[in-house]
C-alpha atoms as a PDB file:
ATOM      1  CA  UNK A   1       0.000   0.000   0.000  1.00  0.00           C
ATOM      2  CA  UNK A   2       1.182   3.494  -0.911  1.00  0.00           C
ATOM      3  CA  UNK A   3      -0.484   6.864  -0.194  1.00  0.00           C
ATOM      4  CA  UNK A   4      -2.033   6.710  -3.686  1.00  0.00           C
ATOM      5  CA  UNK A   5      -2.594   2.970  -4.180  1.00  0.00           C
ATOM      6  CA  UNK A   6      -4.464   0.352  -2.148  1.00  0.00           C
ATOM      7  CA  UNK A   7      -4.429  -3.353  -3.047  1.00  0.00           C
ATOM      8  CA  UNK A   8      -6.501  -6.029  -1.277  1.00  0.00           C
ATOM      9  CA  UNK A   9      -6.441  -9.789  -1.859  1.00  0.00           C
ATOM     10  CA  UNK A  10      -8.899 -12.143  -0.180  1.00  0.00           C
ATOM     11  CA  UNK A  11      -9.552 -15.871  -0.358  1.00  0.00           C
ATOM     12  CA  UNK A  12     -11.869 -18.428   1.195  1.00  0.00           C
ATOM     13  CA  UNK A  13     -11.828 -22.220   1.308  1.00  0.00           C
ATOM     14  CA  UNK A  14     -14.529 -24.370   2.813  1.00  0.00           C
ATOM     15  CA  UNK A  15     -17.170 -27.040   2.511  1.00  0.00           C
ATOM     16  CA  UNK A  16     -20.966 -26.967   2.290  1.00  0.00           C
ATOM     17  CA  UNK A  17     -23.046 -29.993   3.298  1.00  0.00           C
ATOM     18  CA  UNK A  18     -26.772 -30.529   2.708  1.00  0.00           C
ATOM     19  CA  UNK A  19     -28.578 -32.885   5.070  1.00  0.00           C
ATOM     20  CA  UNK A  20     -31.242 -33.425   2.399  1.00  0.00           C
ATOM     21  CA  UNK A  21     -30.975 -35.091  -1.022  1.00  0.00           C
ATOM     22  CA  UNK A  22     -30.082 -32.704  -3.869  1.00  0.00           C
ATOM     23  CA  UNK A  23     -31.631 -33.405  -7.270  1.00  0.00           C
ATOM     24  CA  UNK A  24     -30.242 -31.565 -10.307  1.00  0.00           C
ATOM     25  CA  UNK A  25     -31.731 -32.268 -13.723  1.00  0.00           C
ATOM     26  CA  UNK A  26     -33.235 -35.528 -12.457  1.00  0.00           C
ATOM     27  CA  UNK A  27     -29.905 -36.789 -11.086  1.00  0.00           C
ATOM     28  CA  UNK A  28     -28.808 -36.924  -7.451  1.00  0.00           C
ATOM     29  CA  UNK A  29     -25.591 -35.063  -6.692  1.00  0.00           C
ATOM     30  CA  UNK A  30     -23.206 -35.317  -3.765  1.00  0.00           C
ATOM     31  CA  UNK A  31     -24.646 -33.710  -0.645  1.00  0.00           C
ATOM     32  CA  UNK A  32     -21.220 -32.260   0.221  1.00  0.00           C
ATOM     33  CA  UNK A  33     -19.197 -29.919  -1.947  1.00  0.00           C
ATOM     34  CA  UNK A  34     -15.954 -27.973  -1.675  1.00  0.00           C
ATOM     35  CA  UNK A  35     -16.276 -24.214  -2.107  1.00  0.00           C
ATOM     36  CA  UNK A  36     -13.612 -21.628  -2.844  1.00  0.00           C
ATOM     37  CA  UNK A  37     -13.428 -17.955  -3.616  1.00  0.00           C
ATOM     38  CA  UNK A  38     -10.759 -15.435  -4.521  1.00  0.00           C
ATOM     39  CA  UNK A  39     -10.775 -11.704  -5.025  1.00  0.00           C
ATOM     40  CA  UNK A  40      -8.428  -8.874  -5.919  1.00  0.00           C
ATOM     41  CA  UNK A  41      -9.384  -5.227  -5.436  1.00  0.00           C
ATOM     42  CA  UNK A  42      -7.196  -2.320  -6.466  1.00  0.00           C
ATOM     43  CA  UNK A  43      -7.682   1.431  -6.076  1.00  0.00           C
ATOM     44  CA  UNK A  44      -5.321   4.058  -7.450  1.00  0.00           C
ATOM     45  CA  UNK A  45      -5.881   7.673  -6.436  1.00  0.00           C
ATOM     46  CA  UNK A  46      -4.204   9.705  -9.144  1.00  0.00           C
ATOM     47  CA  UNK A  47      -5.143  12.985  -7.460  1.00  0.00           C
ATOM     48  CA  UNK A  48      -7.692  14.442  -5.063  1.00  0.00           C
ATOM     49  CA  UNK A  49     -10.142  14.442  -7.988  1.00  0.00           C
ATOM     50  CA  UNK A  50      -9.324  11.274  -9.970  1.00  0.00           C
ATOM     51  CA  UNK A  51      -9.255   7.605  -8.969  1.00  0.00           C
ATOM     52  CA  UNK A  52      -9.284   4.239 -10.739  1.00  0.00           C
ATOM     53  CA  UNK A  53     -10.987   1.213  -9.145  1.00  0.00           C
ATOM     54  CA  UNK A  54     -10.669  -2.472 -10.110  1.00  0.00           C
ATOM     55  CA  UNK A  55     -12.698  -5.260  -8.457  1.00  0.00           C
ATOM     56  CA  UNK A  56     -12.259  -8.904  -9.509  1.00  0.00           C
ATOM     57  CA  UNK A  57     -13.732 -12.118  -8.062  1.00  0.00           C
ATOM     58  CA  UNK A  58     -13.713 -15.851  -8.797  1.00  0.00           C
ATOM     59  CA  UNK A  59     -16.007 -18.232  -6.878  1.00  0.00           C
ATOM     60  CA  UNK A  60     -16.750 -21.934  -7.060  1.00  0.00           C
ATOM     61  CA  UNK A  61     -19.794 -22.582  -4.899  1.00  0.00           C
ATOM     62  CA  UNK A  62     -23.087 -24.358  -4.419  1.00  0.00           C
ATOM     63  CA  UNK A  63     -24.835 -22.235  -1.811  1.00  0.00           C
ATOM     64  CA  UNK A  64     -27.312 -19.723  -3.251  1.00  0.00           C
ATOM     65  CA  UNK A  65     -26.596 -16.020  -3.537  1.00  0.00           C
ATOM     66  CA  UNK A  66     -29.967 -14.642  -2.488  1.00  0.00           C
ATOM     67  CA  UNK A  67     -29.082 -11.010  -3.164  1.00  0.00           C
ATOM     68  CA  UNK A  68     -27.985 -11.570  -6.789  1.00  0.00           C
ATOM     69  CA  UNK A  69     -30.174 -14.471  -7.828  1.00  0.00           C
ATOM     70  CA  UNK A  70     -27.814 -17.404  -8.339  1.00  0.00           C
ATOM     71  CA  UNK A  71     -29.906 -20.214  -6.839  1.00  0.00           C
ATOM     72  CA  UNK A  72     -27.105 -22.741  -6.492  1.00  0.00           C
ATOM     73  CA  UNK A  73     -29.058 -25.099  -4.241  1.00  0.00           C
ATOM     74  CA  UNK A  74     -31.385 -25.918  -7.138  1.00  0.00           C
ATOM     75  CA  UNK A  75     -28.723 -26.192  -9.810  1.00  0.00           C
ATOM     76  CA  UNK A  76     -25.698 -27.828  -8.184  1.00  0.00           C
ATOM     77  CA  UNK A  77     -22.151 -26.467  -8.200  1.00  0.00           C
ATOM     78  CA  UNK A  78     -21.416 -23.408 -10.282  1.00  0.00           C
ATOM     79  CA  UNK A  79     -18.432 -21.263 -11.221  1.00  0.00           C
ATOM     80  CA  UNK A  80     -18.929 -17.519 -11.144  1.00  0.00           C
ATOM     81  CA  UNK A  81     -16.402 -14.837 -11.970  1.00  0.00           C
ATOM     82  CA  UNK A  82     -16.576 -11.111 -12.542  1.00  0.00           C
ATOM     83  CA  UNK A  83     -14.397  -8.099 -13.273  1.00  0.00           C
ATOM     84  CA  UNK A  84     -15.416  -4.482 -12.683  1.00  0.00           C
ATOM     85  CA  UNK A  85     -13.291  -1.558 -13.871  1.00  0.00           C
ATOM     86  CA  UNK A  86     -14.303   2.018 -13.046  1.00  0.00           C
ATOM     87  CA  UNK A  87     -13.054   5.588 -12.854  1.00  0.00           C
ATOM     88  CA  UNK A  88     -14.285   8.219 -10.428  1.00  0.00           C
ATOM     89  CA  UNK A  89     -13.864  11.954 -10.968  1.00  0.00           C
ATOM     90  CA  UNK A  90     -14.839  14.896  -8.756  1.00  0.00           C
ATOM     91  CA  UNK A  91     -15.681  17.841 -10.996  1.00  0.00           C
ATOM     92  CA  UNK A  92     -16.289  20.272  -8.134  1.00  0.00           C
ATOM     93  CA  UNK A  93     -16.814  20.273  -4.379  1.00  0.00           C
ATOM     94  CA  UNK A  94     -20.385  19.026  -4.915  1.00  0.00           C
ATOM     95  CA  UNK A  95     -20.416  17.224  -8.281  1.00  0.00           C
ATOM     96  CA  UNK A  96     -18.794  13.902  -9.138  1.00  0.00           C
ATOM     97  CA  UNK A  97     -19.160  10.957 -11.524  1.00  0.00           C
ATOM     98  CA  UNK A  98     -18.378   7.249 -11.271  1.00  0.00           C
ATOM     99  CA  UNK A  99     -18.220   5.401 -14.619  1.00  0.00           C
ATOM    100  CA  UNK A 100     -17.327   1.810 -15.379  1.00  0.00           C
ATOM    101  CA  UNK A 101     -17.902  -1.545 -17.063  1.00  0.00           C
ATOM    102  CA  UNK A 102     -18.597  -4.917 -15.433  1.00  0.00           C
ATOM    103  CA  UNK A 103     -18.382  -8.393 -16.983  1.00  0.00           C
ATOM    104  CA  UNK A 104     -19.860 -11.427 -15.244  1.00  0.00           C
ATOM    105  CA  UNK A 105     -19.984 -15.105 -16.202  1.00  0.00           C
ATOM    106  CA  UNK A 106     -21.743 -18.070 -14.556  1.00  0.00           C
ATOM    107  CA  UNK A 107     -21.502 -21.740 -15.598  1.00  0.00           C
ATOM    108  CA  UNK A 108     -22.928 -24.886 -13.962  1.00  0.00           C
ATOM    109  CA  UNK A 109     -21.253 -28.271 -13.498  1.00  0.00           C
ATOM    110  CA  UNK A 110     -24.406 -30.384 -13.792  1.00  0.00           C
ATOM    111  CA  UNK A 111     -26.575 -28.414 -16.234  1.00  0.00           C
ATOM    112  CA  UNK A 112     -25.652 -27.954 -19.890  1.00  0.00           C
ATOM    113  CA  UNK A 113     -26.821 -24.847 -21.683  1.00  0.00           C
ATOM    114  CA  UNK A 114     -27.552 -22.836 -18.544  1.00  0.00           C
ATOM    115  CA  UNK A 115     -24.403 -20.693 -18.672  1.00  0.00           C
ATOM    116  CA  UNK A 116     -24.922 -16.929 -18.532  1.00  0.00           C
ATOM    117  CA  UNK A 117     -22.699 -13.964 -19.253  1.00  0.00           C
ATOM    118  CA  UNK A 118     -23.405 -10.262 -19.112  1.00  0.00           C
ATOM    119  CA  UNK A 119     -21.714  -6.937 -19.767  1.00  0.00           C
ATOM    120  CA  UNK A 120     -22.912  -3.848 -17.913  1.00  0.00           C
ATOM    121  CA  UNK A 121     -21.911  -0.278 -18.666  1.00  0.00           C
ATOM    122  CA  UNK A 122     -22.840   2.197 -15.930  1.00  0.00           C
ATOM    123  CA  UNK A 123     -22.529   5.856 -15.042  1.00  0.00           C
ATOM    124  CA  UNK A 124     -23.401   7.450 -11.698  1.00  0.00           C
ATOM    125  CA  UNK A 125     -23.722  11.213 -11.355  1.00  0.00           C
ATOM    126  CA  UNK A 126     -23.453  12.320  -7.717  1.00  0.00           C
ATOM    127  CA  UNK A 127     -24.375  15.722  -6.302  1.00  0.00           C
ATOM    128  CA  UNK A 128     -23.765  16.692  -2.671  1.00  0.00           C
ATOM    129  CA  UNK A 129     -26.958  18.290  -1.328  1.00  0.00           C
ATOM    130  CA  UNK A 130     -25.690  18.628   2.239  1.00  0.00           C
ATOM    131  CA  UNK A 131     -22.954  17.162   4.445  1.00  0.00           C
ATOM    132  CA  UNK A 132     -25.267  14.182   5.110  1.00  0.00           C
ATOM    133  CA  UNK A 133     -27.084  13.749   1.766  1.00  0.00           C
ATOM    134  CA  UNK A 134     -26.045  12.937  -1.813  1.00  0.00           C
ATOM    135  CA  UNK A 135     -28.435  12.907  -4.773  1.00  0.00           C
ATOM    136  CA  UNK A 136     -27.660  10.402  -7.558  1.00  0.00           C
ATOM    137  CA  UNK A 137     -28.638   9.765 -11.162  1.00  0.00           C
ATOM    138  CA  UNK A 138     -27.697   6.346 -12.541  1.00  0.00           C
ATOM    139  CA  UNK A 139     -27.738   4.951 -16.075  1.00  0.00           C
ATOM    140  CA  UNK A 140     -26.970   1.263 -16.746  1.00  0.00           C
ATOM    141  CA  UNK A 141     -26.895  -0.691 -19.994  1.00  0.00           C
ATOM    142  CA  UNK A 142     -26.866  -4.467 -19.498  1.00  0.00           C
ATOM    143  CA  UNK A 143     -26.314  -6.941 -22.375  1.00  0.00           C
ATOM    144  CA  UNK A 144     -27.020 -10.578 -21.462  1.00  0.00           C
ATOM    145  CA  UNK A 145     -25.991 -13.732 -23.346  1.00  0.00           C
ATOM    146  CA  UNK A 146     -28.602 -16.194 -22.111  1.00  0.00           C
ATOM    147  CA  UNK A 147     -27.105 -19.527 -23.174  1.00  0.00           C
ATOM    148  CA  UNK A 148     -30.068 -21.680 -24.204  1.00  0.00           C
ATOM    149  CA  UNK A 149     -32.267 -18.707 -23.348  1.00  0.00           C
ATOM    150  CA  UNK A 150     -32.666 -15.862 -25.785  1.00  0.00           C
ATOM    151  CA  UNK A 151     -30.379 -12.897 -25.228  1.00  0.00           C
ATOM    152  CA  UNK A 152     -31.682  -9.658 -23.752  1.00  0.00           C
ATOM    153  CA  UNK A 153     -30.840  -5.974 -23.383  1.00  0.00           C
ATOM    154  CA  UNK A 154     -31.757  -3.987 -20.276  1.00  0.00           C
ATOM    155  CA  UNK A 155     -31.370  -0.259 -19.715  1.00  0.00           C
ATOM    156  CA  UNK A 156     -31.987   1.444 -16.370  1.00  0.00           C
ATOM    157  CA  UNK A 157     -32.690   5.085 -15.564  1.00  0.00           C
ATOM    158  CA  UNK A 158     -32.589   5.625 -11.797  1.00  0.00           C
ATOM    159  CA  UNK A 159     -32.649   8.546  -9.376  1.00  0.00           C
ATOM    160  CA  UNK A 160     -31.695   8.166  -5.743  1.00  0.00           C
ATOM    161  CA  UNK A 161     -30.532   9.503  -2.415  1.00  0.00           C
ATOM    162  CA  UNK A 162     -27.749   8.500  -0.052  1.00  0.00           C
ATOM    163  CA  UNK A 163     -28.316   9.831   3.450  1.00  0.00           C
ATOM    164  CA  UNK A 164     -26.204   9.460   6.583  1.00  0.00           C
ATOM    165  CA  UNK A 165     -28.696   9.507   9.447  1.00  0.00           C
ATOM    166  CA  UNK A 166     -25.851   9.442  11.978  1.00  0.00           C
ATOM    167  CA  UNK A 167     -22.093   8.768  11.919  1.00  0.00           C
ATOM    168  CA  UNK A 168     -22.937   5.040  12.140  1.00  0.00           C
ATOM    169  CA  UNK A 169     -26.079   4.739   9.976  1.00  0.00           C
ATOM    170  CA  UNK A 170     -26.243   5.021   6.176  1.00  0.00           C
ATOM    171  CA  UNK A 171     -29.279   4.572   3.934  1.00  0.00           C
ATOM    172  CA  UNK A 172     -29.265   4.316   0.123  1.00  0.00           C
ATOM    173  CA  UNK A 173     -32.268   4.184  -2.217  1.00  0.00           C
ATOM    174  CA  UNK A 174     -32.533   4.204  -6.027  1.00  0.00           C
ATOM    175  CA  UNK A 175     -35.711   3.958  -8.087  1.00  0.00           C
ATOM    176  CA  UNK A 176     -36.690   4.376 -11.707  1.00  0.00           C
ATOM    177  CA  UNK A 177     -37.545   2.499 -14.864  1.00  0.00           C
ATOM    178  CA  UNK A 178     -36.096  -0.639 -16.480  1.00  0.00           C
ATOM    179  CA  UNK A 179     -36.464  -0.935 -20.258  1.00  0.00           C
ATOM    180  CA  UNK A 180     -36.143  -4.476 -21.561  1.00  0.00           C
ATOM    181  CA  UNK A 181     -35.812  -6.080 -25.001  1.00  0.00           C
ATOM    182  CA  UNK A 182     -35.679  -9.889 -25.268  1.00  0.00           C
ATOM    183  CA  UNK A 183     -34.562 -11.657 -28.457  1.00  0.00           C
ATOM    184  CA  UNK A 184     -37.307 -13.998 -29.724  1.00  0.00           C
ATOM    185  CA  UNK A 185     -39.532 -12.276 -27.176  1.00  0.00           C
ATOM    186  CA  UNK A 186     -41.015  -8.886 -26.471  1.00  0.00           C
ATOM    187  CA  UNK A 187     -39.980  -5.530 -25.136  1.00  0.00           C
ATOM    188  CA  UNK A 188     -41.380  -3.275 -22.451  1.00  0.00           C
ATOM    189  CA  UNK A 189     -40.785  -1.162 -19.365  1.00  0.00           C
ATOM    190  CA  UNK A 190     -41.197  -1.910 -15.665  1.00  0.00           C
ATOM    191  CA  UNK A 191     -40.389  -0.230 -12.337  1.00  0.00           C
ATOM    192  CA  UNK A 192     -37.066  -0.902 -10.640  1.00  0.00           C
ATOM    193  CA  UNK A 193     -36.147  -0.227  -6.991  1.00  0.00           C
ATOM    194  CA  UNK A 194     -33.099  -0.995  -4.866  1.00  0.00           C
ATOM    195  CA  UNK A 195     -32.332   0.149  -1.330  1.00  0.00           C
ATOM    196  CA  UNK A 196     -30.046  -0.687   1.580  1.00  0.00           C
ATOM    197  CA  UNK A 197     -29.534   0.328   5.204  1.00  0.00           C
ATOM    198  CA  UNK A 198     -26.459  -0.255   7.356  1.00  0.00           C
ATOM    199  CA  UNK A 199     -26.141   0.708  10.997  1.00  0.00           C
ATOM    200  CA  UNK A 200     -23.616   0.140  13.769  1.00  0.00           C
ATOM    201  CA  UNK A 201     -26.027   0.245  16.708  1.00  0.00           C
ATOM    202  CA  UNK A 202     -23.260   0.107  19.325  1.00  0.00           C
ATOM    203  CA  UNK A 203     -19.760  -1.315  19.679  1.00  0.00           C
ATOM    204  CA  UNK A 204     -21.103  -4.884  19.653  1.00  0.00           C
ATOM    205  CA  UNK A 205     -24.225  -4.901  17.482  1.00  0.00           C
ATOM    206  CA  UNK A 206     -24.608  -4.065  13.761  1.00  0.00           C
ATOM    207  CA  UNK A 207     -27.376  -4.614  11.221  1.00  0.00           C
ATOM    208  CA  UNK A 208     -27.569  -4.479   7.425  1.00  0.00           C
ATOM    209  CA  UNK A 209     -30.534  -4.883   5.099  1.00  0.00           C
ATOM    210  CA  UNK A 210     -31.425  -4.651   1.415  1.00  0.00           C
ATOM    211  CA  UNK A 211     -34.433  -4.707  -0.886  1.00  0.00           C
ATOM    212  CA  UNK A 212     -34.563  -4.979  -4.680  1.00  0.00           C
ATOM    213  CA  UNK A 213     -37.405  -5.252  -7.171  1.00  0.00           C
ATOM    214  CA  UNK A 214     -37.013  -5.630 -10.927  1.00  0.00           C
ATOM    215  CA  UNK A 215     -37.037  -8.069 -13.845  1.00  0.00           C
ATOM    216  CA  UNK A 216     -34.128 -10.528 -13.790  1.00  0.00           C
ATOM    217  CA  UNK A 217     -32.260 -12.646 -16.337  1.00  0.00           C
ATOM    218  CA  UNK A 218     -30.508 -15.171 -14.108  1.00  0.00           C
ATOM    219  CA  UNK A 219     -33.786 -16.827 -13.085  1.00  0.00           C
ATOM    220  CA  UNK A 220     -35.555 -17.282 -16.415  1.00  0.00           C
ATOM    221  CA  UNK A 221     -35.663 -21.070 -16.687  1.00  0.00           C
ATOM    222  CA  UNK A 222     -37.423 -23.420 -14.261  1.00  0.00           C
ATOM    223  CA  UNK A 223     -35.680 -26.802 -13.967  1.00  0.00           C
ATOM    224  CA  UNK A 224     -38.185 -29.693 -13.767  1.00  0.00           C
ATOM    225  CA  UNK A 225     -36.064 -32.570 -12.524  1.00  0.00           C
ATOM    226  CA  UNK A 226     -35.295 -34.971 -15.372  1.00  0.00           C
ATOM    227  CA  UNK A 227     -38.261 -33.767 -17.454  1.00  0.00           C
ATOM    228  CA  UNK A 228     -36.619 -30.647 -18.824  1.00  0.00           C
ATOM    229  CA  UNK A 229     -37.039 -26.940 -18.221  1.00  0.00           C
ATOM    230  CA  UNK A 230     -39.548 -24.149 -18.798  1.00  0.00           C
ATOM    231  CA  UNK A 231     -38.098 -20.976 -20.380  1.00  0.00           C
ATOM    232  CA  UNK A 232     -39.536 -17.513 -19.755  1.00  0.00           C
ATOM    233  CA  UNK A 233     -38.700 -14.034 -20.995  1.00  0.00           C
ATOM    234  CA  UNK A 234     -37.905 -12.951 -17.444  1.00  0.00           C
ATOM    235  CA  UNK A 235     -38.827 -13.112 -13.788  1.00  0.00           C
ATOM    236  CA  UNK A 236     -40.303 -10.273 -11.767  1.00  0.00           C
ATOM    237  CA  UNK A 237     -38.212 -10.563  -8.610  1.00  0.00           C
ATOM    238  CA  UNK A 238     -38.571  -9.122  -5.124  1.00  0.00           C
ATOM    239  CA  UNK A 239     -35.563  -9.746  -2.882  1.00  0.00           C
ATOM    240  CA  UNK A 240     -35.354  -8.846   0.817  1.00  0.00           C
ATOM    241  CA  UNK A 241     -32.540  -9.491   3.271  1.00  0.00           C
ATOM    242  CA  UNK A 242     -31.691  -8.644   6.881  1.00  0.00           C
ATOM    243  CA  UNK A 243     -28.539  -9.556   8.808  1.00  0.00           C
ATOM    244  CA  UNK A 244     -27.572  -8.842  12.402  1.00  0.00           C
ATOM    245  CA  UNK A 245     -24.076  -9.300  13.868  1.00  0.00           C
ATOM    246  CA  UNK A 246     -23.234  -9.310  17.577  1.00  0.00           C
ATOM    247  CA  UNK A 247     -19.703  -9.309  18.961  1.00  0.00           C
ATOM    248  CA  UNK A 248     -19.312 -11.679  21.907  1.00  0.00           C
ATOM    249  CA  UNK A 249     -15.640 -10.782  22.321  1.00  0.00           C
ATOM    250  CA  UNK A 250     -12.829  -9.186  20.343  1.00  0.00           C
ATOM    251  CA  UNK A 251     -12.283 -12.476  18.493  1.00  0.00           C
ATOM    252  CA  UNK A 252     -15.754 -14.040  18.294  1.00  0.00           C
ATOM    253  CA  UNK A 253     -19.002 -12.749  16.783  1.00  0.00           C
ATOM    254  CA  UNK A 254     -22.379 -14.321  16.030  1.00  0.00           C
ATOM    255  CA  UNK A 255     -24.703 -13.497  13.142  1.00  0.00           C
ATOM    256  CA  UNK A 256     -28.308 -14.229  12.201  1.00  0.00           C
ATOM    257  CA  UNK A 257     -30.023 -13.535   8.900  1.00  0.00           C
ATOM    258  CA  UNK A 258     -33.200 -13.900   6.882  1.00  0.00           C
ATOM    259  CA  UNK A 259     -33.635 -13.776   3.087  1.00  0.00           C
ATOM    260  CA  UNK A 260     -36.933 -13.745   1.222  1.00  0.00           C
ATOM    261  CA  UNK A 261     -37.292 -14.089  -2.556  1.00  0.00           C
ATOM    262  CA  UNK A 262     -40.483 -13.850  -4.611  1.00  0.00           C
ATOM    263  CA  UNK A 263     -40.160 -14.752  -8.302  1.00  0.00           C
ATOM    264  CA  UNK A 264     -42.933 -14.266 -10.831  1.00  0.00           C
ATOM    265  CA  UNK A 265     -41.989 -16.028 -14.076  1.00  0.00           C
ATOM    266  CA  UNK A 266     -43.678 -14.128 -16.902  1.00  0.00           C
ATOM    267  CA  UNK A 267     -44.180 -14.468 -20.668  1.00  0.00           C
ATOM    268  CA  UNK A 268     -43.327 -18.091 -21.350  1.00  0.00           C
ATOM    269  CA  UNK A 269     -41.321 -18.802 -24.490  1.00  0.00           C
ATOM    270  CA  UNK A 270     -43.520 -21.916 -24.906  1.00  0.00           C
ATOM    271  CA  UNK A 271     -46.796 -20.912 -26.534  1.00  0.00           C
ATOM    272  CA  UNK A 272     -49.799 -21.065 -24.243  1.00  0.00           C
ATOM    273  CA  UNK A 273     -47.914 -21.788 -21.020  1.00  0.00           C
ATOM    274  CA  UNK A 274     -49.121 -19.664 -18.057  1.00  0.00           C
ATOM    275  CA  UNK A 275     -47.098 -17.407 -15.765  1.00  0.00           C
ATOM    276  CA  UNK A 276     -45.781 -19.044 -12.576  1.00  0.00           C
ATOM    277  CA  UNK A 277     -44.899 -17.854  -9.067  1.00  0.00           C
ATOM    278  CA  UNK A 278     -42.340 -19.172  -6.598  1.00  0.00           C
ATOM    279  CA  UNK A 279     -41.250 -18.045  -3.130  1.00  0.00           C
ATOM    280  CA  UNK A 280     -38.223 -18.990  -1.054  1.00  0.00           C
ATOM    281  CA  UNK A 281     -37.245 -18.226   2.537  1.00  0.00           C
ATOM    282  CA  UNK A 282     -33.805 -18.751   4.060  1.00  0.00           C
ATOM    283  CA  UNK A 283     -32.989 -18.502   7.782  1.00  0.00           C
ATOM    284  CA  UNK A 284     -29.393 -18.622   8.990  1.00  0.00           C
ATOM    285  CA  UNK A 285     -27.293 -18.466  12.140  1.00  0.00           C
ATOM    286  CA  UNK A 286     -23.502 -18.443  12.173  1.00  0.00           C
ATOM    287  CA  UNK A 287     -20.251 -17.408  13.786  1.00  0.00           C
ATOM    288  CA  UNK A 288     -16.965 -15.719  12.887  1.00  0.00           C
ATOM    289  CA  UNK A 289     -13.798 -16.440  14.878  1.00  0.00           C
ATOM    290  CA  UNK A 290     -10.650 -14.376  14.380  1.00  0.00           C
ATOM    291  CA  UNK A 291      -7.609 -16.660  14.181  1.00  0.00           C
ATOM    292  CA  UNK A 292      -5.105 -13.898  13.387  1.00  0.00           C
ATOM    293  CA  UNK A 293      -5.019 -10.358  12.055  1.00  0.00           C
ATOM    294  CA  UNK A 294      -5.605 -11.688   8.527  1.00  0.00           C
ATOM    295  CA  UNK A 295      -7.473 -14.992   8.993  1.00  0.00           C
ATOM    296  CA  UNK A 296     -10.959 -15.976  10.202  1.00  0.00           C
ATOM    297  CA  UNK A 297     -12.898 -19.206  10.743  1.00  0.00           C
ATOM    298  CA  UNK A 298     -16.548 -18.998   9.619  1.00  0.00           C
ATOM    299  CA  UNK A 299     -19.465 -21.349  10.073  1.00  0.00           C
ATOM    300  CA  UNK A 300     -23.227 -21.239   9.559  1.00  0.00           C
ATOM    301  CA  UNK A 301     -26.424 -23.274   9.570  1.00  0.00           C
ATOM    302  CA  UNK A 302     -29.147 -22.492   7.016  1.00  0.00           C
ATOM    303  CA  UNK A 303     -32.724 -23.633   6.594  1.00  0.00           C
ATOM    304  CA  UNK A 304     -34.278 -22.931   3.188  1.00  0.00           C
ATOM    305  CA  UNK A 305     -37.810 -23.626   1.986  1.00  0.00           C
ATOM    306  CA  UNK A 306     -39.263 -23.094  -1.504  1.00  0.00           C
ATOM    307  CA  UNK A 307     -42.921 -23.117  -2.570  1.00  0.00           C
ATOM    308  CA  UNK A 308     -44.029 -23.201  -6.216  1.00  0.00           C
ATOM    309  CA  UNK A 309     -47.173 -23.090  -8.339  1.00  0.00           C
ATOM    310  CA  UNK A 310     -45.866 -26.249 -10.014  1.00  0.00           C
ATOM    311  CA  UNK A 311     -46.019 -28.188  -6.744  1.00  0.00           C
ATOM    312  CA  UNK A 312     -43.879 -30.988  -5.341  1.00  0.00           C
ATOM    313  CA  UNK A 313     -41.668 -31.343  -8.426  1.00  0.00           C
ATOM    314  CA  UNK A 314     -40.108 -27.987  -7.446  1.00  0.00           C
ATOM    315  CA  UNK A 315     -40.885 -27.522  -3.742  1.00  0.00           C
ATOM    316  CA  UNK A 316     -38.391 -28.463  -1.039  1.00  0.00           C
ATOM    317  CA  UNK A 317     -37.138 -27.902   2.514  1.00  0.00           C
ATOM    318  CA  UNK A 318     -33.363 -28.005   2.849  1.00  0.00           C
ATOM    319  CA  UNK A 319     -30.885 -27.830   5.711  1.00  0.00           C
ATOM    320  CA  UNK A 320     -27.221 -27.085   5.170  1.00  0.00           C
ATOM    321  CA  UNK A 321     -24.079 -26.183   7.075  1.00  0.00           C
ATOM    322  CA  UNK A 322     -21.094 -24.187   5.846  1.00  0.00           C
ATOM    323  CA  UNK A 323     -17.609 -24.186   7.324  1.00  0.00           C
ATOM    324  CA  UNK A 324     -14.597 -22.359   5.948  1.00  0.00           C
ATOM    325  CA  UNK A 325     -11.552 -20.163   6.428  1.00  0.00           C
ATOM    326  CA  UNK A 326     -11.229 -16.627   5.064  1.00  0.00           C
ATOM    327  CA  UNK A 327      -8.080 -14.575   4.693  1.00  0.00           C
ATOM    328  CA  UNK A 328      -7.496 -10.966   3.648  1.00  0.00           C
ATOM    329  CA  UNK A 329      -4.263  -9.068   3.114  1.00  0.00           C
END
């Protein structure tokens, strides 16, 4: 690290075990799986006004990512990697911009043709309204290669506010319109909302939460065991999450969390097939133990349940445990 440059590398190794049978594409898969993740972040501050930011991740995992929509529990192991390159510039004391491009790729071990890749160009305009509040205008252009699905193009026009309620509490909200064009499908507009709240209640207790509503690409195909899959133009998704962390000592902390996902699969690519709804709920409890200044032991127990209009062929209750080691330097 230099006064102008900050580099961070992090890695995690672990195992996830499901106590329940896992069926992927009509075939049972191992209930235990090794997981790994690596990341490299780099920030270079050229001047007080100009900075370059690079964020890169590579993950091999099975556990779902409820915030982003990669439902790994239903699809087996998957490899996910991304790279995000951006430049930030402060034009004046109040006005700044943050512009970049992000590439993301997801592929599955046990499902052929379900790979996804996307490129997103984005630009955030930020204006300081007061010492505590920033107004934002965001434009995003997202091009998705859908594998067996048809490709799609999404553009977002969002306005938002970032407000610091106190030195330890920050809220962010963005809302606007999502324009969507699906190859071999239709085009249209829909509302889009994302928000988050983080607060350090006291020295021991912290909470974080998020909400997002929009039309998604990574959940457009419903896997029906060994029968096949149902493709849709998109899924209207509502995602909610809340996590609380409590420090028991300087080395040991506990965490609890809840994630709720509602997916409305719309506009089937199979003629005459109706729209479908699914809901999932995940409850978790875990711990984090500091082994050294740069290494931590993590563990968690999760209970996940999914209900579906299709019925038992999709519905499940699943219990899993995760155990792993994280390092950052």
